[in-house]
Amino acid sequence: MKRADVKRRTSEGVVFDTQVMVNPANTAEWIVFFKKGAGRSFFLVDEAEQVETFASLDELMPELRALGIKRVEVQL
């Protein structure tokens, strides 16, 4: 799911079960995973539909706040 879509949906009151986890392809990076009802789930992707990665949790948390995410589970 692209940033604009996440931001729009959170502003509409949609609550995502948001998880942050280590990128399995590169354990020095973090990725974001959104779970929605009915078993649907999405990764945070960029405009080219590539999964966005973050170098640190310190870099990632302000990004999630800007998208309207209020709660997140971190999986180590």
N, C-alpha and C. Protein backbone atom coordinates (compact mmCIF):
# COMPACT_ATOMS: atom_id res chain seq x y z
N MET A 1 0.85 -1.16 0.00
CA MET A 1 0.00 0.00 0.00
C MET A 1 0.91 1.23 0.00
N LYS A 2 0.59 2.17 -0.84
CA LYS A 2 1.40 3.38 -0.95
C LYS A 2 1.09 4.34 0.20
N ARG A 3 2.05 5.22 0.48
CA ARG A 3 1.91 6.17 1.58
C ARG A 3 0.63 6.99 1.49
N ALA A 4 0.33 7.49 0.30
CA ALA A 4 -0.87 8.33 0.14
C ALA A 4 -2.13 7.55 0.49
N ASP A 5 -2.17 6.28 0.14
CA ASP A 5 -3.33 5.44 0.46
C ASP A 5 -3.46 5.22 1.96
N VAL A 6 -2.33 4.97 2.61
CA VAL A 6 -2.35 4.77 4.07
C VAL A 6 -2.83 6.05 4.75
N LYS A 7 -2.27 7.17 4.34
CA LYS A 7 -2.63 8.45 4.96
C LYS A 7 -4.12 8.77 4.76
N ARG A 8 -4.61 8.52 3.55
CA ARG A 8 -6.02 8.78 3.27
C ARG A 8 -6.92 7.89 4.13
N ARG A 9 -6.57 6.63 4.21
CA ARG A 9 -7.41 5.70 4.97
C ARG A 9 -7.38 5.97 6.47
N THR A 10 -6.21 6.32 7.00
CA THR A 10 -6.17 6.64 8.43
C THR A 10 -6.95 7.91 8.72
N SER A 11 -6.93 8.87 7.79
CA SER A 11 -7.71 10.10 7.99
C SER A 11 -9.21 9.82 7.92
N GLU A 12 -9.58 8.74 7.24
CA GLU A 12 -10.99 8.32 7.17
C GLU A 12 -11.40 7.49 8.38
N GLY A 13 -10.45 7.22 9.27
CA GLY A 13 -10.75 6.47 10.48
C GLY A 13 -10.43 4.99 10.43
N VAL A 14 -9.83 4.54 9.34
CA VAL A 14 -9.43 3.13 9.25
C VAL A 14 -8.26 2.89 10.20
N VAL A 15 -8.35 1.83 10.97
CA VAL A 15 -7.28 1.47 11.90
C VAL A 15 -6.60 0.22 11.37
N PHE A 16 -5.31 0.32 11.19
CA PHE A 16 -4.52 -0.82 10.71
C PHE A 16 -3.82 -1.49 11.88
N ASP A 17 -3.70 -2.80 11.82
CA ASP A 17 -2.83 -3.55 12.72
C ASP A 17 -1.45 -3.47 12.07
N THR A 18 -0.61 -2.56 12.55
CA THR A 18 0.66 -2.25 11.90
C THR A 18 1.80 -2.98 12.59
N GLN A 19 2.61 -3.65 11.79
CA GLN A 19 3.76 -4.36 12.32
C GLN A 19 5.01 -3.91 11.59
N VAL A 20 6.08 -3.77 12.35
CA VAL A 20 7.39 -3.46 11.80
C VAL A 20 8.26 -4.67 12.05
N MET A 21 8.96 -5.10 11.02
CA MET A 21 9.79 -6.30 11.17
C MET A 21 11.09 -6.15 10.39
N VAL A 22 12.04 -6.96 10.75
CA VAL A 22 13.31 -6.99 10.02
C VAL A 22 13.04 -7.52 8.62
N ASN A 23 13.65 -6.88 7.65
CA ASN A 23 13.53 -7.30 6.25
C ASN A 23 14.23 -8.65 6.10
N PRO A 24 13.52 -9.70 5.71
CA PRO A 24 14.17 -11.01 5.57
C PRO A 24 15.25 -11.03 4.49
N ALA A 25 15.15 -10.14 3.51
CA ALA A 25 16.15 -10.09 2.44
C ALA A 25 17.41 -9.33 2.84
N ASN A 26 17.30 -8.48 3.88
CA ASN A 26 18.45 -7.71 4.36
C ASN A 26 18.19 -7.38 5.82
N THR A 27 18.80 -8.10 6.71
CA THR A 27 18.50 -7.97 8.14
C THR A 27 18.99 -6.66 8.75
N ALA A 28 19.61 -5.80 7.97
CA ALA A 28 20.00 -4.47 8.45
C ALA A 28 18.90 -3.45 8.17
N GLU A 29 17.79 -3.89 7.60
CA GLU A 29 16.69 -2.99 7.24
C GLU A 29 15.39 -3.42 7.91
N TRP A 30 14.47 -2.46 7.99
CA TRP A 30 13.14 -2.70 8.56
C TRP A 30 12.08 -2.47 7.48
N ILE A 31 10.99 -3.23 7.55
CA ILE A 31 9.86 -3.06 6.64
C ILE A 31 8.57 -2.94 7.45
N VAL A 32 7.53 -2.41 6.80
CA VAL A 32 6.24 -2.18 7.47
C VAL A 32 5.19 -3.06 6.82
N PHE A 33 4.38 -3.68 7.67
CA PHE A 33 3.35 -4.61 7.24
C PHE A 33 2.03 -4.18 7.89
N PHE A 34 0.99 -4.01 7.08
CA PHE A 34 -0.33 -3.63 7.58
C PHE A 34 -1.28 -4.81 7.44
N LYS A 35 -2.00 -5.12 8.51
CA LYS A 35 -3.05 -6.14 8.44
C LYS A 35 -4.38 -5.43 8.54
N LYS A 36 -5.31 -5.87 7.69
CA LYS A 36 -6.66 -5.34 7.72
C LYS A 36 -7.62 -6.49 7.92
N GLY A 37 -8.87 -6.18 8.13
CA GLY A 37 -9.86 -7.22 8.33
C GLY A 37 -9.96 -8.17 7.14
N ALA A 38 -10.63 -9.27 7.33
CA ALA A 38 -10.87 -10.28 6.30
C ALA A 38 -9.58 -10.90 5.77
N GLY A 39 -8.53 -10.90 6.60
CA GLY A 39 -7.30 -11.57 6.22
C GLY A 39 -6.45 -10.85 5.19
N ARG A 40 -6.78 -9.62 4.89
CA ARG A 40 -6.00 -8.87 3.90
C ARG A 40 -4.80 -8.22 4.58
N SER A 41 -3.68 -8.19 3.87
CA SER A 41 -2.49 -7.56 4.41
C SER A 41 -1.71 -6.89 3.29
N PHE A 42 -0.92 -5.88 3.68
CA PHE A 42 -0.19 -5.07 2.71
C PHE A 42 1.16 -4.67 3.28
N PHE A 43 2.15 -4.53 2.42
CA PHE A 43 3.42 -3.91 2.79
C PHE A 43 3.34 -2.44 2.41
N LEU A 44 4.12 -1.61 3.09
CA LEU A 44 4.26 -0.22 2.68
C LEU A 44 5.17 -0.21 1.46
N VAL A 45 4.67 0.33 0.34
CA VAL A 45 5.44 0.34 -0.90
C VAL A 45 5.60 1.76 -1.42
N ASP A 46 6.60 1.94 -2.27
CA ASP A 46 6.83 3.25 -2.88
C ASP A 46 6.01 3.38 -4.15
N GLU A 47 6.21 4.45 -4.88
CA GLU A 47 5.43 4.71 -6.10
C GLU A 47 5.67 3.67 -7.18
N ALA A 48 6.82 2.99 -7.13
CA ALA A 48 7.13 1.94 -8.11
C ALA A 48 6.68 0.57 -7.63
N GLU A 49 5.87 0.55 -6.54
CA GLU A 49 5.33 -0.69 -5.97
C GLU A 49 6.42 -1.59 -5.38
N GLN A 50 7.55 -1.00 -5.00
CA GLN A 50 8.62 -1.74 -4.33
C GLN A 50 8.47 -1.56 -2.82
N VAL A 51 8.70 -2.63 -2.07
CA VAL A 51 8.57 -2.55 -0.61
C VAL A 51 9.57 -1.52 -0.09
N GLU A 52 9.06 -0.58 0.71
CA GLU A 52 9.94 0.44 1.29
C GLU A 52 10.71 -0.17 2.45
N THR A 53 11.98 0.19 2.54
CA THR A 53 12.82 -0.28 3.64
C THR A 53 13.39 0.92 4.38
N PHE A 54 13.71 0.70 5.64
CA PHE A 54 14.22 1.76 6.50
C PHE A 54 15.45 1.25 7.22
N ALA A 55 16.45 2.12 7.36
CA ALA A 55 17.72 1.72 7.96
C ALA A 55 17.63 1.57 9.48
N SER A 56 16.68 2.28 10.10
CA SER A 56 16.58 2.19 11.56
C SER A 56 15.16 2.47 12.01
N LEU A 57 14.86 2.03 13.22
CA LEU A 57 13.55 2.34 13.81
C LEU A 57 13.42 3.83 14.07
N ASP A 58 14.54 4.47 14.41
CA ASP A 58 14.51 5.92 14.64
C ASP A 58 14.09 6.68 13.38
N GLU A 59 14.48 6.18 12.23
CA GLU A 59 14.08 6.78 10.95
C GLU A 59 12.63 6.46 10.63
N LEU A 60 12.20 5.28 10.99
CA LEU A 60 10.87 4.79 10.61
C LEU A 60 9.72 5.40 11.42
N MET A 61 9.88 5.55 12.72
CA MET A 61 8.76 5.98 13.56
C MET A 61 8.17 7.33 13.16
N PRO A 62 8.97 8.36 12.86
CA PRO A 62 8.36 9.62 12.40
C PRO A 62 7.58 9.45 11.09
N GLU A 63 8.04 8.56 10.24
CA GLU A 63 7.33 8.29 8.98
C GLU A 63 5.95 7.71 9.27
N LEU A 64 5.88 6.77 10.20
CA LEU A 64 4.59 6.16 10.54
C LEU A 64 3.66 7.19 11.18
N ARG A 65 4.19 8.03 12.04
CA ARG A 65 3.37 9.09 12.66
C ARG A 65 2.79 10.01 11.59
N ALA A 66 3.60 10.35 10.60
CA ALA A 66 3.15 11.23 9.52
C ALA A 66 2.03 10.59 8.69
N LEU A 67 1.99 9.27 8.68
CA LEU A 67 0.93 8.56 7.96
C LEU A 67 -0.34 8.39 8.79
N GLY A 68 -0.28 8.80 10.05
CA GLY A 68 -1.45 8.68 10.91
C GLY A 68 -1.50 7.40 11.72
N ILE A 69 -0.41 6.64 11.71
CA ILE A 69 -0.35 5.39 12.47
C ILE A 69 -0.08 5.74 13.93
N LYS A 70 -0.91 5.21 14.82
CA LYS A 70 -0.79 5.54 16.24
C LYS A 70 -0.24 4.38 17.07
N ARG A 71 -0.38 3.17 16.59
CA ARG A 71 0.13 2.00 17.32
C ARG A 71 0.87 1.11 16.34
N VAL A 72 1.95 0.52 16.85
CA VAL A 72 2.75 -0.36 16.01
C VAL A 72 3.35 -1.46 16.88
N GLU A 73 3.42 -2.64 16.32
CA GLU A 73 4.08 -3.77 16.98
C GLU A 73 5.41 -3.99 16.28
N VAL A 74 6.48 -4.08 17.06
CA VAL A 74 7.81 -4.31 16.49
C VAL A 74 8.18 -5.77 16.72
N GLN A 75 8.51 -6.45 15.64
CA GLN A 75 8.95 -7.84 15.73
C GLN A 75 10.45 -7.88 15.51
N LEU A 76 11.16 -8.38 16.50
CA LEU A 76 12.62 -8.44 16.41
C LEU A 76 13.09 -9.72 15.76
